Amino acid sequence: MKTVISLPKDVFEKAERLAIKAGKSRSQLYSEALREYVARHSPDEVTEALDRIIEEHGQPEERFVTVASAKTLALVEW
């Protein structure tokens, strides 16, 4: 979808340099930047995505906590 926006000159120039350095088109750079911005400001969507991942794969920290607890307990004098 095409759209027209106005940017401050300094922001435009920095974005141009970044796009060239990253080997991306201006459209690609702006699209990625806006996608990231929207994701950061949509915490409900992030929470829902994390919930779906946990439902599919389980709690990733369960294994970590189990292993870390065992190692810690092994170091404690009883």
C-alpha atoms as a PDB file:
ATOM      1  CA  MET A   1       0.000   0.000   0.000  1.00  0.00           C
ATOM      2  CA  LYS A   2       1.343   3.424  -0.841  1.00  0.00           C
ATOM      3  CA  THR A   3       1.103   6.370   1.491  1.00  0.00           C
ATOM      4  CA  VAL A   4       2.581   9.850   1.758  1.00  0.00           C
ATOM      5  CA  ILE A   5       4.122  11.159   4.972  1.00  0.00           C
ATOM      6  CA  SER A   6       6.108  14.212   5.998  1.00  0.00           C
ATOM      7  CA  LEU A   7       9.335  13.819   7.959  1.00  0.00           C
ATOM      8  CA  PRO A   8      11.743  16.285   9.473  1.00  0.00           C
ATOM      9  CA  LYS A   9      14.776  16.679   7.211  1.00  0.00           C
ATOM     10  CA  ASP A  10      17.231  15.298   9.786  1.00  0.00           C
ATOM     11  CA  VAL A  11      15.134  12.140  10.328  1.00  0.00           C
ATOM     12  CA  PHE A  12      14.814  11.600   6.583  1.00  0.00           C
ATOM     13  CA  GLU A  13      18.569  11.987   6.047  1.00  0.00           C
ATOM     14  CA  LYS A  14      19.445   9.600   8.889  1.00  0.00           C
ATOM     15  CA  ALA A  15      16.947   7.058   7.567  1.00  0.00           C
ATOM     16  CA  GLU A  16      18.407   7.365   4.060  1.00  0.00           C
ATOM     17  CA  ARG A  17      21.919   6.706   5.357  1.00  0.00           C
ATOM     18  CA  LEU A  18      20.724   3.757   7.412  1.00  0.00           C
ATOM     19  CA  ALA A  19      18.846   2.242   4.479  1.00  0.00           C
ATOM     20  CA  ILE A  20      21.931   2.495   2.261  1.00  0.00           C
ATOM     21  CA  LYS A  21      24.193   1.070   4.964  1.00  0.00           C
ATOM     22  CA  ALA A  22      21.768  -1.815   5.590  1.00  0.00           C
ATOM     23  CA  GLY A  23      21.275  -2.447   1.875  1.00  0.00           C
ATOM     24  CA  LYS A  24      17.529  -1.930   2.145  1.00  0.00           C
ATOM     25  CA  SER A  25      15.059   0.159   0.235  1.00  0.00           C
ATOM     26  CA  ARG A  26      13.571   3.193   1.927  1.00  0.00           C
ATOM     27  CA  SER A  27      10.171   1.474   1.905  1.00  0.00           C
ATOM     28  CA  GLN A  28      11.578  -1.632   3.548  1.00  0.00           C
ATOM     29  CA  LEU A  29      13.333   0.399   6.236  1.00  0.00           C
ATOM     30  CA  TYR A  30      10.218   2.452   7.029  1.00  0.00           C
ATOM     31  CA  SER A  31       8.021  -0.650   7.029  1.00  0.00           C
ATOM     32  CA  GLU A  32      10.316  -2.485   9.456  1.00  0.00           C
ATOM     33  CA  ALA A  33      10.608   0.571  11.694  1.00  0.00           C
ATOM     34  CA  LEU A  34       6.859   1.099  11.821  1.00  0.00           C
ATOM     35  CA  ARG A  35       6.207  -2.615  12.419  1.00  0.00           C
ATOM     36  CA  GLU A  36       8.615  -2.550  15.376  1.00  0.00           C
ATOM     37  CA  TYR A  37       7.070   0.645  16.750  1.00  0.00           C
ATOM     38  CA  VAL A  38       3.544  -0.780  16.540  1.00  0.00           C
ATOM     39  CA  ALA A  39       4.669  -4.007  18.226  1.00  0.00           C
ATOM     40  CA  ARG A  40       6.257  -2.089  21.087  1.00  0.00           C
ATOM     41  CA  HIS A  41       3.117  -0.071  21.637  1.00  0.00           C
ATOM     42  CA  SER A  42       0.720  -3.009  21.415  1.00  0.00           C
ATOM     43  CA  PRO A  43       1.533  -4.949  24.590  1.00  0.00           C
ATOM     44  CA  ASP A  44      -1.630  -7.035  24.345  1.00  0.00           C
ATOM     45  CA  GLU A  45      -0.514  -8.435  20.999  1.00  0.00           C
ATOM     46  CA  VAL A  46       2.915  -9.268  22.409  1.00  0.00           C
ATOM     47  CA  THR A  47       1.355 -10.975  25.421  1.00  0.00           C
ATOM     48  CA  GLU A  48      -1.004 -12.966  23.206  1.00  0.00           C
ATOM     49  CA  ALA A  49       1.891 -14.069  20.968  1.00  0.00           C
ATOM     50  CA  LEU A  50       3.938 -15.172  23.981  1.00  0.00           C
ATOM     51  CA  ASP A  51       0.945 -17.030  25.410  1.00  0.00           C
ATOM     52  CA  ARG A  52       0.525 -18.919  22.111  1.00  0.00           C
ATOM     53  CA  ILE A  53       4.204 -19.883  22.089  1.00  0.00           C
ATOM     54  CA  ILE A  54       4.041 -21.106  25.691  1.00  0.00           C
ATOM     55  CA  GLU A  55       0.910 -23.139  24.914  1.00  0.00           C
ATOM     56  CA  GLU A  56       2.665 -24.787  21.975  1.00  0.00           C
ATOM     57  CA  HIS A  57       6.094 -25.361  23.546  1.00  0.00           C
ATOM     58  CA  GLY A  58       5.635 -25.186  27.305  1.00  0.00           C
ATOM     59  CA  GLN A  59       7.341 -22.909  29.749  1.00  0.00           C
ATOM     60  CA  PRO A  60      10.950 -22.448  28.610  1.00  0.00           C
ATOM     61  CA  GLU A  61      12.166 -21.592  32.100  1.00  0.00           C
ATOM     62  CA  GLU A  62      10.953 -24.881  33.613  1.00  0.00           C
ATOM     63  CA  ARG A  63      14.046 -26.751  32.431  1.00  0.00           C
ATOM     64  CA  PHE A  64      16.307 -23.846  33.372  1.00  0.00           C
ATOM     65  CA  VAL A  65      14.851 -23.613  36.873  1.00  0.00           C
ATOM     66  CA  THR A  66      15.136 -27.379  37.384  1.00  0.00           C
ATOM     67  CA  VAL A  67      18.780 -27.504  36.271  1.00  0.00           C
ATOM     68  CA  ALA A  68      19.756 -24.309  38.103  1.00  0.00           C
ATOM     69  CA  SER A  69      18.079 -25.502  41.302  1.00  0.00           C
ATOM     70  CA  ALA A  70      19.844 -28.859  41.155  1.00  0.00           C
ATOM     71  CA  LYS A  71      23.227 -27.188  40.635  1.00  0.00           C
ATOM     72  CA  THR A  72      22.607 -24.728  43.445  1.00  0.00           C
ATOM     73  CA  LEU A  73      21.474 -27.419  45.866  1.00  0.00           C
ATOM     74  CA  ALA A  74      24.558 -29.496  45.043  1.00  0.00           C
ATOM     75  CA  LEU A  75      26.757 -26.623  46.262  1.00  0.00           C
ATOM     76  CA  VAL A  76      24.957 -26.171  49.580  1.00  0.00           C
ATOM     77  CA  GLU A  77      26.319 -27.875  52.680  1.00  0.00           C
ATOM     78  CA  TRP A  78      23.610 -29.695  54.582  1.00  0.00           C
END
